[in-house]
């Protein structure tokens, strides 16, 4: 922003910015990250000296969303979890006191581009 260039932020960074800087209460995004398929057997590629701690190859974005949610009262509306991820395990992670995962007009959580996740 300061350099007047293009850029992007993670969902958690956008929530933090929206709440603290702009006073926004509802944030809408395409899809959220989550738990990778076969995450427990994959080793994440984390740069040496990095301060990130990854457990079971959970997207850092989702961990950040969890940390951010405790500090900021922002509702996140999305098209669902990205379909390349492990949706059932991601939903297990989301069903915690800090989240309220809901689907509109369906009994099944959507998978970003599709109304049903299987």
N, C-alpha and C. Protein backbone atom coordinates (compact mmCIF):
# COMPACT_ATOMS: atom_id res chain seq x y z
N UNK A 1 0.83 -1.18 0.00
CA UNK A 1 0.00 0.00 0.00
C UNK A 1 0.88 1.25 0.00
N UNK A 2 1.90 1.24 0.86
CA UNK A 2 2.77 2.41 0.96
C UNK A 2 3.52 2.67 -0.34
N UNK A 3 3.85 1.60 -1.08
CA UNK A 3 4.58 1.74 -2.35
C UNK A 3 3.64 1.88 -3.54
N UNK A 4 2.34 1.89 -3.28
CA UNK A 4 1.31 1.97 -4.32
C UNK A 4 1.40 0.82 -5.31
N UNK A 5 1.75 -0.36 -4.79
CA UNK A 5 1.86 -1.54 -5.64
C UNK A 5 0.76 -2.54 -5.35
N UNK A 6 0.79 -3.63 -6.08
CA UNK A 6 -0.16 -4.71 -5.86
C UNK A 6 0.36 -5.62 -4.75
N UNK A 7 -0.54 -6.32 -4.12
CA UNK A 7 -0.13 -7.25 -3.08
C UNK A 7 -1.29 -8.10 -2.64
N UNK A 8 -1.03 -8.96 -1.69
CA UNK A 8 -2.08 -9.81 -1.17
C UNK A 8 -1.82 -10.06 0.31
N UNK A 9 -2.86 -10.45 1.01
CA UNK A 9 -2.71 -10.80 2.41
C UNK A 9 -3.39 -12.14 2.66
N UNK A 10 -3.03 -12.78 3.73
CA UNK A 10 -3.73 -14.00 4.12
C UNK A 10 -5.07 -13.59 4.74
N UNK A 11 -5.94 -14.56 4.91
CA UNK A 11 -7.23 -14.27 5.54
C UNK A 11 -7.02 -13.70 6.94
N UNK A 12 -6.11 -14.30 7.70
CA UNK A 12 -5.89 -13.82 9.07
C UNK A 12 -5.32 -12.40 9.09
N UNK A 13 -4.43 -12.07 8.17
CA UNK A 13 -3.89 -10.71 8.11
C UNK A 13 -4.98 -9.71 7.73
N UNK A 14 -5.84 -10.11 6.81
CA UNK A 14 -6.94 -9.24 6.40
C UNK A 14 -7.91 -9.00 7.55
N UNK A 15 -8.19 -10.05 8.33
CA UNK A 15 -9.07 -9.90 9.49
C UNK A 15 -8.47 -8.90 10.48
N UNK A 16 -7.20 -9.05 10.75
CA UNK A 16 -6.53 -8.16 11.69
C UNK A 16 -6.58 -6.72 11.20
N UNK A 17 -6.24 -6.51 9.94
CA UNK A 17 -6.27 -5.17 9.35
C UNK A 17 -7.69 -4.60 9.36
N UNK A 18 -8.65 -5.42 8.95
CA UNK A 18 -10.05 -4.97 8.86
C UNK A 18 -10.56 -4.51 10.22
N UNK A 19 -10.22 -5.25 11.25
CA UNK A 19 -10.72 -4.93 12.58
C UNK A 19 -10.00 -3.75 13.21
N UNK A 20 -8.68 -3.79 13.18
CA UNK A 20 -7.90 -2.79 13.91
C UNK A 20 -7.80 -1.45 13.18
N UNK A 21 -7.72 -1.49 11.85
CA UNK A 21 -7.51 -0.25 11.10
C UNK A 21 -8.81 0.32 10.55
N UNK A 22 -9.64 -0.55 9.99
CA UNK A 22 -10.83 -0.07 9.29
C UNK A 22 -12.13 -0.24 10.07
N UNK A 23 -12.12 -0.98 11.17
CA UNK A 23 -13.33 -1.20 11.94
C UNK A 23 -14.37 -2.06 11.24
N UNK A 24 -13.93 -2.90 10.32
CA UNK A 24 -14.83 -3.77 9.56
C UNK A 24 -15.23 -4.96 10.42
N UNK A 25 -16.50 -5.33 10.40
CA UNK A 25 -17.01 -6.43 11.22
C UNK A 25 -17.26 -7.71 10.43
N UNK A 26 -17.42 -7.61 9.09
CA UNK A 26 -17.66 -8.79 8.25
C UNK A 26 -16.68 -8.75 7.09
N UNK A 27 -15.99 -9.85 6.87
CA UNK A 27 -15.00 -9.98 5.79
C UNK A 27 -15.40 -11.14 4.89
N UNK A 28 -15.42 -10.91 3.58
CA UNK A 28 -15.81 -11.95 2.63
C UNK A 28 -14.60 -12.32 1.78
N UNK A 29 -14.37 -13.63 1.61
CA UNK A 29 -13.25 -14.12 0.81
C UNK A 29 -13.69 -15.31 -0.01
N UNK A 30 -12.88 -15.72 -0.97
CA UNK A 30 -13.21 -16.87 -1.80
C UNK A 30 -13.19 -18.16 -1.01
N UNK A 31 -12.03 -18.66 -0.72
CA UNK A 31 -11.90 -19.90 0.03
C UNK A 31 -10.84 -19.76 1.10
N UNK A 32 -10.97 -20.57 2.13
CA UNK A 32 -9.97 -20.55 3.19
C UNK A 32 -9.08 -21.78 3.07
N UNK A 33 -7.90 -21.70 3.64
CA UNK A 33 -6.99 -22.84 3.66
C UNK A 33 -7.41 -23.83 4.72
N UNK A 34 -6.59 -24.84 4.93
CA UNK A 34 -6.93 -25.84 5.92
C UNK A 34 -5.87 -26.91 6.04
N UNK A 35 -6.30 -28.09 6.43
CA UNK A 35 -5.39 -29.21 6.65
C UNK A 35 -5.12 -29.90 5.31
N UNK A 36 -3.85 -30.14 5.03
CA UNK A 36 -3.48 -30.84 3.79
C UNK A 36 -3.86 -32.31 3.85
N UNK A 37 -4.12 -32.89 2.69
CA UNK A 37 -4.36 -34.33 2.62
C UNK A 37 -3.06 -35.03 2.99
N UNK A 38 -3.14 -36.10 3.75
CA UNK A 38 -1.98 -36.86 4.24
C UNK A 38 -1.01 -35.94 4.98
N UNK A 39 -1.56 -34.96 5.66
CA UNK A 39 -0.74 -33.97 6.35
C UNK A 39 0.17 -34.54 7.41
N UNK A 40 -0.29 -35.59 8.09
CA UNK A 40 0.54 -36.14 9.17
C UNK A 40 1.77 -36.86 8.64
N UNK A 41 1.78 -37.25 7.35
CA UNK A 41 2.92 -37.98 6.81
C UNK A 41 3.82 -37.09 5.95
N UNK A 42 3.44 -35.84 5.74
CA UNK A 42 4.24 -34.93 4.92
C UNK A 42 5.05 -34.00 5.81
N UNK A 43 6.24 -33.69 5.37
CA UNK A 43 7.09 -32.76 6.11
C UNK A 43 6.96 -31.39 5.45
N UNK A 44 6.59 -30.38 6.22
CA UNK A 44 6.48 -29.05 5.63
C UNK A 44 7.84 -28.48 5.29
N UNK A 45 7.90 -27.64 4.25
CA UNK A 45 9.14 -26.97 3.87
C UNK A 45 9.13 -25.61 4.55
N UNK A 46 9.76 -25.54 5.69
CA UNK A 46 9.83 -24.30 6.45
C UNK A 46 11.27 -23.82 6.42
N UNK A 47 11.51 -22.57 6.02
CA UNK A 47 12.89 -22.07 5.96
C UNK A 47 13.58 -22.16 7.31
N UNK A 48 14.87 -22.49 7.28
CA UNK A 48 15.63 -22.59 8.52
C UNK A 48 15.64 -21.24 9.21
N UNK A 49 15.45 -21.26 10.51
CA UNK A 49 15.39 -20.03 11.27
C UNK A 49 14.01 -19.39 11.29
N UNK A 50 13.05 -20.03 10.64
CA UNK A 50 11.70 -19.49 10.61
C UNK A 50 11.06 -19.59 11.99
N UNK A 51 10.20 -18.65 12.32
CA UNK A 51 9.54 -18.67 13.61
C UNK A 51 8.22 -19.42 13.57
N UNK A 52 7.85 -19.95 12.41
CA UNK A 52 6.59 -20.70 12.30
C UNK A 52 6.75 -22.10 12.85
N UNK A 53 5.76 -22.58 13.53
CA UNK A 53 5.73 -23.96 14.01
C UNK A 53 4.54 -24.64 13.36
N UNK A 54 4.78 -25.65 12.56
CA UNK A 54 3.71 -26.31 11.83
C UNK A 54 3.47 -27.69 12.43
N UNK A 55 2.25 -27.98 12.82
CA UNK A 55 1.89 -29.28 13.39
C UNK A 55 0.98 -30.01 12.42
N UNK A 56 1.37 -31.23 12.05
CA UNK A 56 0.59 -32.04 11.11
C UNK A 56 0.30 -31.32 9.80
N UNK A 57 1.21 -30.51 9.37
CA UNK A 57 1.14 -29.81 8.09
C UNK A 57 -0.17 -29.04 7.93
N UNK A 58 -0.59 -28.38 8.98
CA UNK A 58 -1.77 -27.52 8.92
C UNK A 58 -1.33 -26.19 8.31
N UNK A 59 -2.11 -25.66 7.41
CA UNK A 59 -1.77 -24.38 6.81
C UNK A 59 -1.51 -23.34 7.89
N UNK A 60 -0.43 -22.62 7.74
CA UNK A 60 -0.12 -21.55 8.68
C UNK A 60 -1.25 -20.53 8.66
N UNK A 61 -1.89 -20.36 7.51
CA UNK A 61 -3.01 -19.42 7.41
C UNK A 61 -4.13 -19.79 8.38
N UNK A 62 -4.42 -21.09 8.48
CA UNK A 62 -5.49 -21.53 9.36
C UNK A 62 -5.10 -21.32 10.81
N UNK A 63 -3.84 -21.58 11.13
CA UNK A 63 -3.35 -21.32 12.48
C UNK A 63 -3.42 -19.83 12.79
N UNK A 64 -3.07 -19.03 11.81
CA UNK A 64 -3.14 -17.58 11.99
C UNK A 64 -4.57 -17.11 12.16
N UNK A 65 -5.48 -17.72 11.42
CA UNK A 65 -6.90 -17.39 11.55
C UNK A 65 -7.36 -17.69 12.96
N UNK A 66 -6.90 -18.79 13.53
CA UNK A 66 -7.27 -19.16 14.90
C UNK A 66 -6.75 -18.13 15.89
N UNK A 67 -5.49 -17.74 15.76
CA UNK A 67 -4.91 -16.76 16.68
C UNK A 67 -5.60 -15.40 16.53
N UNK A 68 -5.87 -15.01 15.29
CA UNK A 68 -6.47 -13.71 15.02
C UNK A 68 -7.89 -13.65 15.54
N UNK A 69 -8.63 -14.72 15.40
CA UNK A 69 -10.05 -14.75 15.77
C UNK A 69 -10.26 -14.44 17.25
N UNK A 70 -9.33 -14.85 18.10
CA UNK A 70 -9.47 -14.57 19.53
C UNK A 70 -9.35 -13.09 19.83
N UNK A 71 -8.65 -12.35 18.98
CA UNK A 71 -8.36 -10.96 19.25
C UNK A 71 -9.30 -10.00 18.53
N UNK A 72 -9.94 -10.44 17.46
CA UNK A 72 -10.74 -9.54 16.64
C UNK A 72 -12.14 -10.09 16.39
N UNK A 73 -13.16 -9.30 16.64
CA UNK A 73 -14.54 -9.75 16.41
C UNK A 73 -14.98 -9.54 14.96
N UNK A 74 -14.40 -10.29 14.03
CA UNK A 74 -14.73 -10.17 12.62
C UNK A 74 -15.31 -11.49 12.13
N UNK A 75 -16.45 -11.42 11.46
CA UNK A 75 -17.05 -12.61 10.86
C UNK A 75 -16.45 -12.82 9.48
N UNK A 76 -16.04 -14.06 9.18
CA UNK A 76 -15.48 -14.39 7.87
C UNK A 76 -16.51 -15.19 7.10
N UNK A 77 -16.91 -14.67 5.94
CA UNK A 77 -17.84 -15.36 5.06
C UNK A 77 -17.02 -15.84 3.87
N UNK A 78 -17.10 -17.14 3.56
CA UNK A 78 -16.29 -17.66 2.46
C UNK A 78 -17.09 -18.67 1.65
N UNK A 79 -16.54 -19.03 0.49
CA UNK A 79 -17.18 -20.01 -0.38
C UNK A 79 -16.88 -21.43 0.07
N UNK A 80 -16.09 -21.60 1.09
CA UNK A 80 -15.77 -22.92 1.62
C UNK A 80 -14.28 -23.14 1.72
N UNK A 81 -13.94 -24.36 2.10
CA UNK A 81 -12.55 -24.77 2.20
C UNK A 81 -12.06 -25.12 0.80
N UNK A 82 -10.82 -24.78 0.50
CA UNK A 82 -10.27 -25.12 -0.82
C UNK A 82 -10.33 -26.62 -1.03
N UNK A 83 -10.85 -27.03 -2.17
CA UNK A 83 -11.17 -28.44 -2.42
C UNK A 83 -9.96 -29.35 -2.53
N UNK A 84 -8.77 -28.81 -2.68
CA UNK A 84 -7.58 -29.65 -2.75
C UNK A 84 -7.13 -30.11 -1.37
N UNK A 85 -7.75 -29.58 -0.33
CA UNK A 85 -7.36 -29.89 1.05
C UNK A 85 -8.22 -31.00 1.63
N UNK A 86 -7.87 -31.44 2.81
CA UNK A 86 -8.63 -32.48 3.53
C UNK A 86 -9.78 -31.78 4.25
N UNK A 87 -10.94 -31.74 3.61
CA UNK A 87 -12.07 -30.97 4.13
C UNK A 87 -12.60 -31.51 5.46
N UNK A 88 -12.81 -32.83 5.60
CA UNK A 88 -13.30 -33.32 6.90
C UNK A 88 -12.37 -32.97 8.06
N UNK A 89 -11.06 -33.11 7.86
CA UNK A 89 -10.11 -32.78 8.94
C UNK A 89 -10.06 -31.28 9.19
N UNK A 90 -10.21 -30.49 8.14
CA UNK A 90 -10.24 -29.05 8.31
C UNK A 90 -11.46 -28.64 9.13
N UNK A 91 -12.60 -29.25 8.84
CA UNK A 91 -13.82 -28.93 9.60
C UNK A 91 -13.68 -29.37 11.06
N UNK A 92 -13.00 -30.48 11.30
CA UNK A 92 -12.74 -30.90 12.68
C UNK A 92 -11.94 -29.82 13.41
N UNK A 93 -10.97 -29.25 12.71
CA UNK A 93 -10.15 -28.20 13.29
C UNK A 93 -10.97 -26.93 13.54
N UNK A 94 -11.91 -26.65 12.63
CA UNK A 94 -12.71 -25.44 12.75
C UNK A 94 -13.78 -25.53 13.83
N UNK A 95 -14.19 -26.74 14.19
CA UNK A 95 -15.23 -26.89 15.21
C UNK A 95 -14.58 -26.77 16.58
N UNK A 96 -14.32 -25.56 16.95
CA UNK A 96 -13.69 -25.22 18.23
C UNK A 96 -14.40 -24.00 18.79
N UNK A 97 -14.17 -23.70 20.05
CA UNK A 97 -14.88 -22.56 20.64
C UNK A 97 -14.67 -21.23 19.92
N UNK A 98 -13.55 -21.06 19.22
CA UNK A 98 -13.29 -19.78 18.56
C UNK A 98 -14.00 -19.64 17.22
N UNK A 99 -14.60 -20.70 16.72
CA UNK A 99 -15.22 -20.67 15.39
C UNK A 99 -16.69 -21.03 15.47
N UNK A 100 -17.40 -20.61 14.45
CA UNK A 100 -18.76 -21.05 14.23
C UNK A 100 -18.85 -21.34 12.73
N UNK A 101 -18.65 -22.58 12.33
CA UNK A 101 -18.68 -22.95 10.92
C UNK A 101 -20.11 -23.31 10.53
N UNK A 102 -20.66 -22.57 9.59
CA UNK A 102 -22.03 -22.77 9.14
C UNK A 102 -22.07 -22.79 7.62
N UNK A 103 -23.06 -23.47 7.07
CA UNK A 103 -23.29 -23.49 5.62
C UNK A 103 -24.70 -22.97 5.37
N UNK A 104 -24.86 -22.16 4.34
CA UNK A 104 -26.15 -21.55 4.04
C UNK A 104 -26.94 -22.41 3.05
N UNK A 105 -28.16 -22.71 3.37
CA UNK A 105 -29.10 -23.45 2.51
C UNK A 105 -28.63 -24.84 2.14
N UNK A 106 -27.82 -25.46 2.98
CA UNK A 106 -27.36 -26.82 2.71
C UNK A 106 -26.96 -27.47 4.04
N UNK A 107 -26.96 -28.79 4.05
CA UNK A 107 -26.51 -29.51 5.23
C UNK A 107 -25.05 -29.91 5.12
N UNK A 108 -24.43 -29.62 3.98
CA UNK A 108 -23.05 -30.02 3.73
C UNK A 108 -22.18 -28.79 3.53
N UNK A 109 -21.00 -28.81 4.12
CA UNK A 109 -20.10 -27.67 3.99
C UNK A 109 -19.57 -27.60 2.55
N UNK A 110 -19.61 -26.44 1.91
CA UNK A 110 -19.17 -26.34 0.52
C UNK A 110 -17.65 -26.45 0.36
N UNK A 111 -17.23 -26.80 -0.85
CA UNK A 111 -15.81 -26.97 -1.15
C UNK A 111 -15.36 -25.92 -2.16
N UNK A 112 -15.42 -24.68 -1.79
CA UNK A 112 -14.95 -23.54 -2.56
C UNK A 112 -15.69 -23.39 -3.89
N UNK A 113 -15.38 -24.21 -4.91
CA UNK A 113 -16.04 -24.09 -6.21
C UNK A 113 -17.31 -24.93 -6.32
N UNK A 114 -17.51 -25.86 -5.42
CA UNK A 114 -18.66 -26.76 -5.52
C UNK A 114 -19.55 -26.63 -4.28
N UNK A 115 -20.87 -26.79 -4.45
CA UNK A 115 -21.76 -26.65 -3.30
C UNK A 115 -21.69 -27.81 -2.31
N UNK A 116 -21.14 -28.94 -2.74
CA UNK A 116 -21.03 -30.10 -1.86
C UNK A 116 -19.58 -30.58 -1.82
N UNK A 117 -19.17 -31.01 -0.64
CA UNK A 117 -17.78 -31.45 -0.49
C UNK A 117 -17.63 -32.96 -0.39
N UNK A 118 -18.73 -33.67 -0.43
CA UNK A 118 -18.65 -35.13 -0.40
C UNK A 118 -18.51 -35.62 0.96
